[in-house]
Amino acid sequence: MDAFDRFWQWANKPLESQQTIPAELFIELAPEDRRDRAAVNQAAARVPDPQR
C-alpha cells in the first residue's frame, strides 16, 4: 500500500474513524492532483509522517 492508497482510505473513511494523515499532505495537494497516484506519492515523500 502506497501513500495514494492511504490518502484515499483516509478520504473515504467513516466520520467516526480516528484515521489521520499529515495535514500538510492534504494542503499541499491541489484538488486535481489528488487523483494522480504519482503526485500523491511525491507529495507524501516531501511531508514528514509522524506515524513513522
N, C-alpha and C. Protein backbone atom coordinates (compact mmCIF):
# COMPACT_ATOMS: atom_id res chain seq x y z
N MET A 1 0.86 -1.17 0.00
CA MET A 1 0.00 0.00 0.00
C MET A 1 0.90 1.24 0.00
N ASP A 2 0.65 2.13 -0.93
CA ASP A 2 1.44 3.34 -1.02
C ASP A 2 0.67 4.53 -0.45
N ALA A 3 1.27 5.71 -0.52
CA ALA A 3 0.65 6.92 0.03
C ALA A 3 -0.68 7.24 -0.66
N PHE A 4 -0.77 6.97 -1.94
CA PHE A 4 -2.01 7.22 -2.68
C PHE A 4 -3.15 6.39 -2.07
N ASP A 5 -2.90 5.11 -1.85
CA ASP A 5 -3.92 4.24 -1.25
C ASP A 5 -4.29 4.71 0.15
N ARG A 6 -3.30 5.08 0.96
CA ARG A 6 -3.58 5.56 2.32
C ARG A 6 -4.37 6.86 2.29
N PHE A 7 -4.04 7.75 1.34
CA PHE A 7 -4.76 9.02 1.21
C PHE A 7 -6.24 8.74 0.94
N TRP A 8 -6.53 7.84 0.02
CA TRP A 8 -7.93 7.58 -0.33
C TRP A 8 -8.66 6.76 0.73
N GLN A 9 -7.94 5.95 1.47
CA GLN A 9 -8.58 5.29 2.63
C GLN A 9 -9.01 6.36 3.62
N TRP A 10 -8.13 7.34 3.87
CA TRP A 10 -8.47 8.43 4.78
C TRP A 10 -9.63 9.25 4.24
N ALA A 11 -9.59 9.61 2.96
CA ALA A 11 -10.62 10.46 2.36
C ALA A 11 -12.00 9.81 2.39
N ASN A 12 -12.04 8.49 2.33
CA ASN A 12 -13.31 7.77 2.29
C ASN A 12 -13.68 7.10 3.61
N LYS A 13 -12.98 7.46 4.68
CA LYS A 13 -13.23 6.83 5.98
C LYS A 13 -14.57 7.29 6.55
N PRO A 14 -15.17 6.49 7.42
CA PRO A 14 -16.37 6.94 8.13
C PRO A 14 -16.05 8.12 9.04
N LEU A 15 -17.02 8.95 9.29
CA LEU A 15 -16.81 10.14 10.12
C LEU A 15 -16.27 9.81 11.51
N GLU A 16 -16.68 8.68 12.06
CA GLU A 16 -16.25 8.34 13.43
C GLU A 16 -14.84 7.74 13.47
N SER A 17 -14.23 7.51 12.34
CA SER A 17 -12.89 6.93 12.29
C SER A 17 -11.85 7.91 12.84
N GLN A 18 -10.85 7.38 13.50
CA GLN A 18 -9.76 8.18 14.04
C GLN A 18 -8.55 8.19 13.11
N GLN A 19 -8.68 7.59 11.93
CA GLN A 19 -7.58 7.55 10.96
C GLN A 19 -7.19 8.96 10.55
N THR A 20 -5.89 9.22 10.47
CA THR A 20 -5.40 10.55 10.12
C THR A 20 -4.32 10.46 9.05
N ILE A 21 -4.07 11.60 8.42
CA ILE A 21 -2.92 11.79 7.54
C ILE A 21 -2.31 13.13 7.95
N PRO A 22 -1.05 13.36 7.61
CA PRO A 22 -0.47 14.67 7.92
C PRO A 22 -1.26 15.78 7.20
N ALA A 23 -1.62 16.81 7.91
CA ALA A 23 -2.39 17.91 7.33
C ALA A 23 -1.64 18.55 6.17
N GLU A 24 -0.32 18.59 6.26
CA GLU A 24 0.48 19.19 5.19
C GLU A 24 0.28 18.47 3.87
N LEU A 25 0.06 17.16 3.92
CA LEU A 25 -0.16 16.39 2.70
C LEU A 25 -1.44 16.84 2.02
N PHE A 26 -2.50 16.97 2.77
CA PHE A 26 -3.78 17.41 2.20
C PHE A 26 -3.66 18.83 1.66
N ILE A 27 -3.01 19.70 2.40
CA ILE A 27 -2.87 21.11 1.99
C ILE A 27 -1.99 21.23 0.75
N GLU A 28 -0.94 20.43 0.67
CA GLU A 28 0.00 20.53 -0.44
C GLU A 28 -0.61 20.08 -1.77
N LEU A 29 -1.59 19.20 -1.73
CA LEU A 29 -2.15 18.65 -2.97
C LEU A 29 -3.28 19.52 -3.50
N ALA A 30 -3.16 19.94 -4.74
CA ALA A 30 -4.26 20.63 -5.42
C ALA A 30 -5.36 19.60 -5.67
N PRO A 31 -6.62 20.02 -5.68
CA PRO A 31 -7.71 19.06 -5.89
C PRO A 31 -7.52 18.17 -7.12
N GLU A 32 -7.01 18.72 -8.20
CA GLU A 32 -6.82 17.91 -9.41
C GLU A 32 -5.68 16.91 -9.27
N ASP A 33 -4.76 17.14 -8.33
CA ASP A 33 -3.64 16.22 -8.11
C ASP A 33 -4.00 15.06 -7.18
N ARG A 34 -5.09 15.14 -6.49
CA ARG A 34 -5.45 14.12 -5.50
C ARG A 34 -5.82 12.78 -6.14
N ARG A 35 -6.11 12.77 -7.42
CA ARG A 35 -6.43 11.53 -8.13
C ARG A 35 -5.24 11.01 -8.94
N ASP A 36 -4.11 11.67 -8.82
CA ASP A 36 -2.90 11.30 -9.54
C ASP A 36 -1.96 10.57 -8.58
N ARG A 37 -1.80 9.26 -8.78
CA ARG A 37 -1.00 8.44 -7.87
C ARG A 37 0.42 9.00 -7.72
N ALA A 38 1.06 9.37 -8.81
CA ALA A 38 2.43 9.87 -8.75
C ALA A 38 2.49 11.18 -7.96
N ALA A 39 1.54 12.07 -8.17
CA ALA A 39 1.53 13.36 -7.45
C ALA A 39 1.35 13.15 -5.96
N VAL A 40 0.45 12.26 -5.57
CA VAL A 40 0.22 12.00 -4.14
C VAL A 40 1.47 11.37 -3.52
N ASN A 41 2.06 10.41 -4.20
CA ASN A 41 3.26 9.76 -3.66
C ASN A 41 4.42 10.73 -3.56
N GLN A 42 4.58 11.62 -4.53
CA GLN A 42 5.65 12.63 -4.47
C GLN A 42 5.42 13.59 -3.31
N ALA A 43 4.19 14.04 -3.14
CA ALA A 43 3.88 14.95 -2.03
C ALA A 43 4.14 14.25 -0.70
N ALA A 44 3.75 13.00 -0.59
CA ALA A 44 3.94 12.25 0.66
C ALA A 44 5.43 12.09 0.98
N ALA A 45 6.25 11.99 -0.04
CA ALA A 45 7.69 11.85 0.19
C ALA A 45 8.29 13.14 0.76
N ARG A 46 7.67 14.28 0.48
CA ARG A 46 8.17 15.57 0.97
C ARG A 46 7.64 15.92 2.35
N VAL A 47 6.54 15.30 2.75
CA VAL A 47 5.89 15.64 4.01
C VAL A 47 6.26 14.60 5.07
N PRO A 48 6.80 15.02 6.20
CA PRO A 48 7.14 14.05 7.26
C PRO A 48 5.88 13.39 7.80
N ASP A 49 5.93 12.08 7.99
CA ASP A 49 4.82 11.32 8.54
C ASP A 49 5.10 11.05 10.01
N PRO A 50 4.33 11.65 10.92
CA PRO A 50 4.60 11.47 12.35
C PRO A 50 4.37 10.04 12.83
N GLN A 51 3.70 9.21 12.04
CA GLN A 51 3.45 7.82 12.45
C GLN A 51 4.60 6.91 12.10
N ARG A 52 5.61 7.40 11.39
CA ARG A 52 6.76 6.58 11.01
C ARG A 52 7.95 6.90 11.85
